[in-house]
Amino acid sequence: MNPILAMLKEHNISDAQISELFQALTQNPLAAMATLGQLNLPQEKLQSLMEQLMQNPALIKEAVEELGLDFSKVEEAKQRLQNN
């Protein structure tokens, strides 16, 4: 299992909430950050998660694919952010 998904499940984040988070990520990464903040993860876990993502951004793609979402939507959202 993807380490991002494993950490979220470890903290009793439901599959629905995980899907919502990654759906937000594919549509609007800034909104995904707000959604992530609402999950009430311990600060140290959130920091660890962010460090993992910064060191290995491919984890996002793996998690999105594992959830059956369209990674091309993540790339489109990233482009929109870079253009703004």
N, C-alpha and C. Protein backbone atom coordinates (compact mmCIF):
# COMPACT_ATOMS: atom_id res chain seq x y z
N MET A 1 0.84 -1.19 0.00
CA MET A 1 0.00 0.00 0.00
C MET A 1 0.89 1.24 0.00
N ASN A 2 0.42 2.23 -0.69
CA ASN A 2 1.12 3.51 -0.75
C ASN A 2 1.28 4.07 0.66
N PRO A 3 2.48 4.59 1.01
CA PRO A 3 2.70 5.09 2.37
C PRO A 3 1.78 6.26 2.77
N ILE A 4 1.38 7.06 1.81
CA ILE A 4 0.45 8.16 2.11
C ILE A 4 -0.89 7.58 2.55
N LEU A 5 -1.39 6.65 1.75
CA LEU A 5 -2.67 6.03 2.07
C LEU A 5 -2.58 5.24 3.37
N ALA A 6 -1.48 4.56 3.59
CA ALA A 6 -1.30 3.79 4.82
C ALA A 6 -1.33 4.70 6.04
N MET A 7 -0.65 5.85 5.96
CA MET A 7 -0.62 6.78 7.10
C MET A 7 -2.01 7.34 7.36
N LEU A 8 -2.75 7.67 6.32
CA LEU A 8 -4.09 8.20 6.51
C LEU A 8 -5.00 7.14 7.15
N LYS A 9 -4.91 5.91 6.68
CA LYS A 9 -5.73 4.83 7.26
C LYS A 9 -5.32 4.54 8.70
N GLU A 10 -4.02 4.66 8.99
CA GLU A 10 -3.52 4.45 10.35
C GLU A 10 -4.18 5.41 11.34
N HIS A 11 -4.55 6.59 10.84
CA HIS A 11 -5.20 7.59 11.69
C HIS A 11 -6.71 7.61 11.52
N ASN A 12 -7.23 6.46 11.11
CA ASN A 12 -8.67 6.25 11.00
C ASN A 12 -9.38 7.23 10.06
N ILE A 13 -8.67 7.63 9.01
CA ILE A 13 -9.29 8.45 7.99
C ILE A 13 -10.05 7.49 7.07
N SER A 14 -11.32 7.74 6.88
CA SER A 14 -12.16 6.82 6.10
C SER A 14 -11.78 6.83 4.62
N ASP A 15 -12.16 5.76 3.94
CA ASP A 15 -11.92 5.68 2.50
C ASP A 15 -12.60 6.84 1.78
N ALA A 16 -13.79 7.21 2.25
CA ALA A 16 -14.51 8.32 1.63
C ALA A 16 -13.73 9.63 1.78
N GLN A 17 -13.17 9.86 2.97
CA GLN A 17 -12.39 11.08 3.20
C GLN A 17 -11.11 11.07 2.36
N ILE A 18 -10.48 9.90 2.24
CA ILE A 18 -9.27 9.79 1.44
C ILE A 18 -9.59 10.08 -0.02
N SER A 19 -10.67 9.50 -0.51
CA SER A 19 -11.07 9.75 -1.89
C SER A 19 -11.39 11.22 -2.10
N GLU A 20 -12.06 11.83 -1.14
CA GLU A 20 -12.39 13.26 -1.24
C GLU A 20 -11.12 14.10 -1.30
N LEU A 21 -10.13 13.76 -0.48
CA LEU A 21 -8.87 14.48 -0.46
C LEU A 21 -8.18 14.40 -1.82
N PHE A 22 -8.08 13.20 -2.36
CA PHE A 22 -7.39 13.05 -3.63
C PHE A 22 -8.22 13.56 -4.80
N GLN A 23 -9.53 13.52 -4.68
CA GLN A 23 -10.38 14.13 -5.71
C GLN A 23 -10.13 15.63 -5.72
N ALA A 24 -10.05 16.23 -4.53
CA ALA A 24 -9.76 17.67 -4.44
C ALA A 24 -8.38 17.95 -5.02
N LEU A 25 -7.43 17.07 -4.76
CA LEU A 25 -6.08 17.24 -5.29
C LEU A 25 -6.09 17.25 -6.82
N THR A 26 -6.90 16.40 -7.42
CA THR A 26 -6.93 16.35 -8.88
C THR A 26 -7.64 17.55 -9.48
N GLN A 27 -8.45 18.25 -8.69
CA GLN A 27 -9.20 19.38 -9.23
C GLN A 27 -8.59 20.72 -8.82
N ASN A 28 -8.15 20.81 -7.57
CA ASN A 28 -7.63 22.08 -7.06
C ASN A 28 -6.70 21.78 -5.89
N PRO A 29 -5.39 21.76 -6.14
CA PRO A 29 -4.44 21.42 -5.07
C PRO A 29 -4.55 22.31 -3.83
N LEU A 30 -4.92 23.57 -4.01
CA LEU A 30 -5.06 24.44 -2.84
C LEU A 30 -6.24 24.00 -1.97
N ALA A 31 -7.31 23.58 -2.61
CA ALA A 31 -8.47 23.07 -1.87
C ALA A 31 -8.09 21.77 -1.16
N ALA A 32 -7.23 20.99 -1.77
CA ALA A 32 -6.79 19.74 -1.14
C ALA A 32 -6.06 20.02 0.16
N MET A 33 -5.30 21.10 0.20
CA MET A 33 -4.59 21.46 1.44
C MET A 33 -5.60 21.79 2.54
N ALA A 34 -6.67 22.48 2.20
CA ALA A 34 -7.70 22.79 3.18
C ALA A 34 -8.38 21.51 3.66
N THR A 35 -8.65 20.61 2.72
CA THR A 35 -9.28 19.33 3.07
C THR A 35 -8.36 18.53 3.98
N LEU A 36 -7.07 18.52 3.68
CA LEU A 36 -6.09 17.82 4.50
C LEU A 36 -6.07 18.39 5.92
N GLY A 37 -6.17 19.71 6.03
CA GLY A 37 -6.19 20.35 7.33
C GLY A 37 -7.40 19.97 8.17
N GLN A 38 -8.51 19.64 7.51
CA GLN A 38 -9.73 19.27 8.22
C GLN A 38 -9.71 17.85 8.76
N LEU A 39 -8.71 17.07 8.38
CA LEU A 39 -8.64 15.68 8.83
C LEU A 39 -8.10 15.55 10.25
N ASN A 40 -7.64 16.65 10.81
CA ASN A 40 -7.15 16.69 12.20
C ASN A 40 -6.05 15.67 12.48
N LEU A 41 -5.11 15.57 11.54
CA LEU A 41 -3.95 14.71 11.76
C LEU A 41 -3.02 15.39 12.75
N PRO A 42 -2.32 14.61 13.57
CA PRO A 42 -1.33 15.22 14.47
C PRO A 42 -0.30 15.99 13.65
N GLN A 43 0.14 17.11 14.15
CA GLN A 43 1.06 17.99 13.43
C GLN A 43 2.32 17.26 12.98
N GLU A 44 2.86 16.40 13.84
CA GLU A 44 4.09 15.69 13.47
C GLU A 44 3.85 14.72 12.31
N LYS A 45 2.67 14.11 12.25
CA LYS A 45 2.34 13.21 11.15
C LYS A 45 2.15 13.99 9.85
N LEU A 46 1.50 15.14 9.96
CA LEU A 46 1.28 15.98 8.80
C LEU A 46 2.63 16.46 8.24
N GLN A 47 3.52 16.85 9.13
CA GLN A 47 4.85 17.29 8.72
C GLN A 47 5.62 16.14 8.07
N SER A 48 5.52 14.96 8.62
CA SER A 48 6.18 13.80 8.07
C SER A 48 5.64 13.49 6.67
N LEU A 49 4.33 13.59 6.52
CA LEU A 49 3.70 13.36 5.23
C LEU A 49 4.21 14.35 4.19
N MET A 50 4.28 15.61 4.56
CA MET A 50 4.75 16.64 3.64
C MET A 50 6.21 16.40 3.25
N GLU A 51 7.02 15.98 4.20
CA GLU A 51 8.42 15.68 3.91
C GLU A 51 8.53 14.53 2.93
N GLN A 52 7.71 13.49 3.13
CA GLN A 52 7.71 12.36 2.21
C GLN A 52 7.34 12.79 0.80
N LEU A 53 6.34 13.64 0.70
CA LEU A 53 5.88 14.11 -0.61
C LEU A 53 6.93 14.98 -1.29
N MET A 54 7.63 15.78 -0.51
CA MET A 54 8.66 16.63 -1.09
C MET A 54 9.84 15.80 -1.57
N GLN A 55 10.17 14.75 -0.84
CA GLN A 55 11.29 13.89 -1.21
C GLN A 55 10.93 12.94 -2.34
N ASN A 56 9.66 12.57 -2.43
CA ASN A 56 9.24 11.60 -3.44
C ASN A 56 7.85 11.96 -3.97
N PRO A 57 7.77 12.96 -4.86
CA PRO A 57 6.48 13.38 -5.39
C PRO A 57 5.73 12.27 -6.13
N ALA A 58 6.43 11.23 -6.56
CA ALA A 58 5.78 10.13 -7.27
C ALA A 58 4.77 9.41 -6.38
N LEU A 59 4.88 9.61 -5.06
CA LEU A 59 3.92 8.99 -4.14
C LEU A 59 2.50 9.48 -4.41
N ILE A 60 2.37 10.72 -4.85
CA ILE A 60 1.04 11.25 -5.16
C ILE A 60 0.46 10.48 -6.34
N LYS A 61 1.28 10.31 -7.37
CA LYS A 61 0.80 9.58 -8.55
C LYS A 61 0.40 8.15 -8.17
N GLU A 62 1.24 7.49 -7.36
CA GLU A 62 0.93 6.13 -6.92
C GLU A 62 -0.39 6.07 -6.17
N ALA A 63 -0.60 7.03 -5.26
CA ALA A 63 -1.83 7.04 -4.46
C ALA A 63 -3.04 7.30 -5.34
N VAL A 64 -2.92 8.24 -6.26
CA VAL A 64 -4.03 8.56 -7.15
C VAL A 64 -4.40 7.34 -7.99
N GLU A 65 -3.37 6.66 -8.50
CA GLU A 65 -3.63 5.47 -9.32
C GLU A 65 -4.23 4.35 -8.48
N GLU A 66 -3.73 4.19 -7.24
CA GLU A 66 -4.25 3.16 -6.36
C GLU A 66 -5.72 3.39 -6.04
N LEU A 67 -6.11 4.66 -5.99
CA LEU A 67 -7.51 5.01 -5.72
C LEU A 67 -8.37 4.96 -6.98
N GLY A 68 -7.74 4.73 -8.13
CA GLY A 68 -8.48 4.65 -9.37
C GLY A 68 -8.88 6.00 -9.94
N LEU A 69 -8.15 7.05 -9.57
CA LEU A 69 -8.44 8.38 -10.10
C LEU A 69 -7.55 8.66 -11.30
N ASP A 70 -7.82 9.73 -11.99
CA ASP A 70 -7.10 10.10 -13.21
C ASP A 70 -5.96 11.04 -12.87
N PHE A 71 -4.71 10.55 -12.99
CA PHE A 71 -3.56 11.37 -12.64
C PHE A 71 -3.39 12.55 -13.58
N SER A 72 -3.87 12.44 -14.81
CA SER A 72 -3.73 13.56 -15.74
C SER A 72 -4.41 14.81 -15.19
N LYS A 73 -5.43 14.62 -14.36
CA LYS A 73 -6.12 15.76 -13.74
C LYS A 73 -5.20 16.46 -12.75
N VAL A 74 -4.33 15.72 -12.07
CA VAL A 74 -3.34 16.32 -11.16
C VAL A 74 -2.38 17.18 -11.97
N GLU A 75 -1.93 16.65 -13.11
CA GLU A 75 -1.02 17.40 -13.96
C GLU A 75 -1.68 18.68 -14.49
N GLU A 76 -2.95 18.60 -14.86
CA GLU A 76 -3.67 19.78 -15.33
C GLU A 76 -3.78 20.83 -14.23
N ALA A 77 -4.07 20.39 -13.01
CA ALA A 77 -4.18 21.31 -11.88
C ALA A 77 -2.83 21.97 -11.61
N LYS A 78 -1.76 21.20 -11.71
CA LYS A 78 -0.42 21.73 -11.49
C LYS A 78 -0.10 22.80 -12.53
N GLN A 79 -0.48 22.56 -13.78
CA GLN A 79 -0.26 23.54 -14.84
C GLN A 79 -1.03 24.83 -14.56
N ARG A 80 -2.28 24.69 -14.12
CA ARG A 80 -3.09 25.88 -13.81
C ARG A 80 -2.43 26.70 -12.70
N LEU A 81 -1.88 26.02 -11.69
CA LEU A 81 -1.21 26.74 -10.61
C LEU A 81 0.04 27.47 -11.11
N GLN A 82 0.78 26.83 -11.99
CA GLN A 82 2.00 27.44 -12.51
C GLN A 82 1.69 28.62 -13.42
N ASN A 83 0.55 28.58 -14.07
CA ASN A 83 0.17 29.67 -14.98
C ASN A 83 -0.36 30.89 -14.24
N ASN A 84 -0.76 30.71 -12.99
CA ASN A 84 -1.32 31.83 -12.21
C ASN A 84 -0.26 32.58 -11.49
